Amino acid sequence: MALIENEKDARRLARAIASDIALYNEDKIAEGLSKDTLFEVIAEEVEEGRTHYKSRVAPALYGKNFFDRALVDVLVRSKGHVSSPIW
């Protein structure tokens, strides 16, 4: 499979992976947000997603941190209703 070479597709992949993490780990994410341990609680899932993302995009795009931004957008911002010391 060819590497993704354009930013739009790289962002789309990053958001899809982050969405899958969110979908299959809702309870862990809510717990992590409420205890301010989100990235410790889902470290394994994030690393698996990051590895998959890195294997699919060109190195120049990987360095633009689209995956990390997608994690924040999908896992953190979308859970604003969860009581958390973060906010």
N, C-alpha and C. Protein backbone atom coordinates (compact mmCIF):
# COMPACT_ATOMS: atom_id res chain seq x y z
N MET A 1 0.85 -1.18 0.00
CA MET A 1 0.00 0.00 0.00
C MET A 1 0.89 1.24 0.00
N ALA A 2 0.58 2.19 -0.84
CA ALA A 2 1.36 3.41 -0.97
C ALA A 2 1.17 4.31 0.25
N LEU A 3 2.22 5.05 0.57
CA LEU A 3 2.14 5.99 1.68
C LEU A 3 1.26 7.18 1.32
N ILE A 4 0.58 7.70 2.31
CA ILE A 4 -0.22 8.91 2.12
C ILE A 4 0.75 10.07 1.99
N GLU A 5 0.56 10.88 0.95
CA GLU A 5 1.50 11.96 0.65
C GLU A 5 0.89 13.35 0.78
N ASN A 6 -0.42 13.46 1.02
CA ASN A 6 -0.99 14.81 1.13
C ASN A 6 -1.61 15.04 2.52
N GLU A 7 -1.60 16.30 2.93
CA GLU A 7 -2.01 16.65 4.29
C GLU A 7 -3.47 16.31 4.58
N LYS A 8 -4.33 16.54 3.62
CA LYS A 8 -5.76 16.28 3.84
C LYS A 8 -5.99 14.81 4.20
N ASP A 9 -5.40 13.91 3.46
CA ASP A 9 -5.57 12.48 3.73
C ASP A 9 -4.88 12.06 5.03
N ALA A 10 -3.74 12.68 5.33
CA ALA A 10 -3.05 12.37 6.58
C ALA A 10 -3.89 12.81 7.78
N ARG A 11 -4.49 13.98 7.69
CA ARG A 11 -5.38 14.45 8.77
C ARG A 11 -6.58 13.52 8.91
N ARG A 12 -7.15 13.13 7.80
CA ARG A 12 -8.31 12.25 7.81
C ARG A 12 -7.97 10.92 8.49
N LEU A 13 -6.83 10.34 8.15
CA LEU A 13 -6.41 9.09 8.77
C LEU A 13 -6.20 9.28 10.27
N ALA A 14 -5.54 10.36 10.65
CA ALA A 14 -5.29 10.63 12.07
C ALA A 14 -6.60 10.72 12.84
N ARG A 15 -7.58 11.42 12.30
CA ARG A 15 -8.88 11.56 12.97
C ARG A 15 -9.62 10.23 13.01
N ALA A 16 -9.50 9.43 11.98
CA ALA A 16 -10.16 8.12 11.97
C ALA A 16 -9.58 7.22 13.05
N ILE A 17 -8.28 7.22 13.19
CA ILE A 17 -7.64 6.41 14.22
C ILE A 17 -8.03 6.91 15.60
N ALA A 18 -7.99 8.22 15.80
CA ALA A 18 -8.39 8.79 17.09
C ALA A 18 -9.85 8.48 17.40
N SER A 19 -10.69 8.52 16.38
CA SER A 19 -12.11 8.19 16.57
C SER A 19 -12.29 6.74 16.98
N ASP A 20 -11.52 5.85 16.39
CA ASP A 20 -11.59 4.44 16.78
C ASP A 20 -11.15 4.26 18.24
N ILE A 21 -10.09 4.94 18.62
CA ILE A 21 -9.64 4.87 20.02
C ILE A 21 -10.76 5.35 20.94
N ALA A 22 -11.39 6.46 20.58
CA ALA A 22 -12.48 7.01 21.40
C ALA A 22 -13.67 6.06 21.46
N LEU A 23 -14.03 5.48 20.34
CA LEU A 23 -15.19 4.60 20.27
C LEU A 23 -15.03 3.37 21.14
N TYR A 24 -13.87 2.77 21.11
CA TYR A 24 -13.66 1.51 21.82
C TYR A 24 -13.15 1.68 23.25
N ASN A 25 -12.93 2.92 23.68
CA ASN A 25 -12.37 3.14 25.01
C ASN A 25 -13.06 4.27 25.77
N GLU A 26 -14.36 4.44 25.56
CA GLU A 26 -15.08 5.55 26.18
C GLU A 26 -14.93 5.59 27.69
N ASP A 27 -15.08 4.44 28.35
CA ASP A 27 -14.98 4.40 29.81
C ASP A 27 -13.58 4.78 30.29
N LYS A 28 -12.57 4.26 29.63
CA LYS A 28 -11.19 4.58 30.00
C LYS A 28 -10.91 6.07 29.81
N ILE A 29 -11.44 6.64 28.73
CA ILE A 29 -11.21 8.06 28.45
C ILE A 29 -11.89 8.92 29.51
N ALA A 30 -13.13 8.59 29.85
CA ALA A 30 -13.84 9.35 30.89
C ALA A 30 -13.11 9.25 32.22
N GLU A 31 -12.65 8.06 32.55
CA GLU A 31 -11.89 7.88 33.79
C GLU A 31 -10.60 8.69 33.76
N GLY A 32 -9.88 8.61 32.66
CA GLY A 32 -8.62 9.33 32.53
C GLY A 32 -8.80 10.83 32.61
N LEU A 33 -9.85 11.35 32.02
CA LEU A 33 -10.13 12.78 32.10
C LEU A 33 -10.50 13.18 33.52
N SER A 34 -11.34 12.39 34.16
CA SER A 34 -11.80 12.75 35.51
C SER A 34 -10.66 12.70 36.53
N LYS A 35 -9.65 11.87 36.27
CA LYS A 35 -8.52 11.74 37.20
C LYS A 35 -7.26 12.43 36.68
N ASP A 36 -7.36 13.11 35.55
CA ASP A 36 -6.22 13.77 34.91
C ASP A 36 -5.08 12.78 34.63
N THR A 37 -5.45 11.60 34.16
CA THR A 37 -4.47 10.56 33.80
C THR A 37 -4.76 10.00 32.41
N LEU A 38 -5.39 10.78 31.58
CA LEU A 38 -5.87 10.28 30.29
C LEU A 38 -4.79 9.55 29.50
N PHE A 39 -3.67 10.19 29.29
CA PHE A 39 -2.68 9.58 28.41
C PHE A 39 -1.92 8.43 29.06
N GLU A 40 -1.98 8.32 30.37
CA GLU A 40 -1.44 7.14 31.03
C GLU A 40 -2.42 5.97 30.88
N VAL A 41 -3.71 6.25 31.03
CA VAL A 41 -4.74 5.21 30.97
C VAL A 41 -4.85 4.59 29.57
N ILE A 42 -4.68 5.38 28.54
CA ILE A 42 -4.83 4.86 27.18
C ILE A 42 -3.50 4.84 26.41
N ALA A 43 -2.41 4.77 27.13
CA ALA A 43 -1.09 4.80 26.50
C ALA A 43 -0.91 3.69 25.47
N GLU A 44 -1.35 2.49 25.80
CA GLU A 44 -1.19 1.37 24.87
C GLU A 44 -1.98 1.59 23.58
N GLU A 45 -3.21 2.06 23.71
CA GLU A 45 -4.05 2.31 22.54
C GLU A 45 -3.49 3.43 21.68
N VAL A 46 -2.99 4.47 22.34
CA VAL A 46 -2.40 5.59 21.60
C VAL A 46 -1.15 5.14 20.85
N GLU A 47 -0.32 4.36 21.50
CA GLU A 47 0.91 3.90 20.84
C GLU A 47 0.60 2.99 19.66
N GLU A 48 -0.40 2.13 19.81
CA GLU A 48 -0.82 1.27 18.70
C GLU A 48 -1.33 2.13 17.53
N GLY A 49 -2.13 3.14 17.84
CA GLY A 49 -2.64 4.04 16.80
C GLY A 49 -1.53 4.83 16.14
N ARG A 50 -0.60 5.30 16.94
CA ARG A 50 0.52 6.08 16.41
C ARG A 50 1.37 5.22 15.47
N THR A 51 1.61 3.98 15.85
CA THR A 51 2.39 3.07 15.02
C THR A 51 1.70 2.84 13.68
N HIS A 52 0.40 2.63 13.73
CA HIS A 52 -0.37 2.43 12.50
C HIS A 52 -0.31 3.69 11.63
N TYR A 53 -0.52 4.85 12.24
CA TYR A 53 -0.48 6.11 11.50
C TYR A 53 0.89 6.30 10.84
N LYS A 54 1.92 6.09 11.61
CA LYS A 54 3.28 6.29 11.08
C LYS A 54 3.58 5.36 9.92
N SER A 55 3.00 4.16 9.94
CA SER A 55 3.25 3.21 8.87
C SER A 55 2.52 3.58 7.58
N ARG A 56 1.55 4.47 7.66
CA ARG A 56 0.72 4.80 6.51
C ARG A 56 1.02 6.15 5.87
N VAL A 57 1.75 7.03 6.57
CA VAL A 57 1.98 8.37 6.01
C VAL A 57 3.46 8.59 5.70
N ALA A 58 3.71 9.49 4.76
CA ALA A 58 5.08 9.85 4.40
C ALA A 58 5.76 10.49 5.61
N PRO A 59 7.06 10.26 5.77
CA PRO A 59 7.78 10.81 6.93
C PRO A 59 7.61 12.32 7.11
N ALA A 60 7.58 13.07 6.03
CA ALA A 60 7.43 14.53 6.15
C ALA A 60 6.10 14.90 6.78
N LEU A 61 5.06 14.13 6.50
CA LEU A 61 3.75 14.40 7.08
C LEU A 61 3.67 13.94 8.53
N TYR A 62 4.34 12.85 8.84
CA TYR A 62 4.33 12.35 10.22
C TYR A 62 4.89 13.42 11.16
N GLY A 63 5.88 14.12 10.72
CA GLY A 63 6.51 15.16 11.53
C GLY A 63 5.64 16.38 11.79
N LYS A 64 4.51 16.48 11.15
CA LYS A 64 3.62 17.64 11.33
C LYS A 64 2.63 17.46 12.48
N ASN A 65 2.72 16.37 13.19
CA ASN A 65 1.91 16.11 14.39
C ASN A 65 0.40 16.09 14.17
N PHE A 66 -0.05 15.69 13.02
CA PHE A 66 -1.49 15.58 12.79
C PHE A 66 -2.13 14.57 13.72
N PHE A 67 -1.40 13.51 14.04
CA PHE A 67 -1.95 12.49 14.92
C PHE A 67 -2.18 13.03 16.33
N ASP A 68 -1.21 13.74 16.87
CA ASP A 68 -1.37 14.32 18.21
C ASP A 68 -2.51 15.33 18.25
N ARG A 69 -2.62 16.14 17.23
CA ARG A 69 -3.73 17.11 17.17
C ARG A 69 -5.07 16.40 17.12
N ALA A 70 -5.15 15.32 16.36
CA ALA A 70 -6.41 14.56 16.28
C ALA A 70 -6.76 13.96 17.64
N LEU A 71 -5.77 13.49 18.37
CA LEU A 71 -6.03 12.95 19.70
C LEU A 71 -6.66 14.01 20.60
N VAL A 72 -6.10 15.18 20.59
CA VAL A 72 -6.65 16.26 21.42
C VAL A 72 -8.06 16.62 20.96
N ASP A 73 -8.24 16.80 19.67
CA ASP A 73 -9.57 17.16 19.15
C ASP A 73 -10.62 16.10 19.46
N VAL A 74 -10.30 14.86 19.23
CA VAL A 74 -11.29 13.80 19.35
C VAL A 74 -11.43 13.29 20.78
N LEU A 75 -10.32 13.08 21.47
CA LEU A 75 -10.38 12.48 22.80
C LEU A 75 -10.62 13.49 23.91
N VAL A 76 -10.13 14.69 23.76
CA VAL A 76 -10.23 15.66 24.84
C VAL A 76 -11.36 16.65 24.60
N ARG A 77 -11.30 17.37 23.52
CA ARG A 77 -12.30 18.42 23.28
C ARG A 77 -13.72 17.88 23.19
N SER A 78 -13.88 16.71 22.65
CA SER A 78 -15.23 16.15 22.51
C SER A 78 -15.81 15.66 23.83
N LYS A 79 -14.98 15.60 24.86
CA LYS A 79 -15.44 15.11 26.16
C LYS A 79 -15.55 16.24 27.18
N GLY A 80 -15.87 17.43 26.74
CA GLY A 80 -15.99 18.58 27.62
C GLY A 80 -17.04 18.42 28.70
N HIS A 81 -17.97 17.50 28.51
CA HIS A 81 -19.03 17.27 29.49
C HIS A 81 -18.55 16.45 30.68
N VAL A 82 -17.37 15.83 30.60
CA VAL A 82 -16.84 15.02 31.68
C VAL A 82 -16.18 15.93 32.71
N SER A 83 -16.55 15.76 33.97
CA SER A 83 -15.94 16.56 35.03
C SER A 83 -14.46 16.21 35.13
N SER A 84 -13.62 17.25 35.08
CA SER A 84 -12.18 17.02 35.04
C SER A 84 -11.43 18.21 35.63
N PRO A 85 -10.33 17.95 36.34
CA PRO A 85 -9.49 19.06 36.82
C PRO A 85 -8.77 19.78 35.70
N ILE A 86 -8.77 19.19 34.50
CA ILE A 86 -8.13 19.83 33.35
C ILE A 86 -8.82 21.14 33.03
N TRP A 87 -10.13 21.16 33.18
CA TRP A 87 -10.91 22.37 32.94
C TRP A 87 -11.73 22.64 34.13
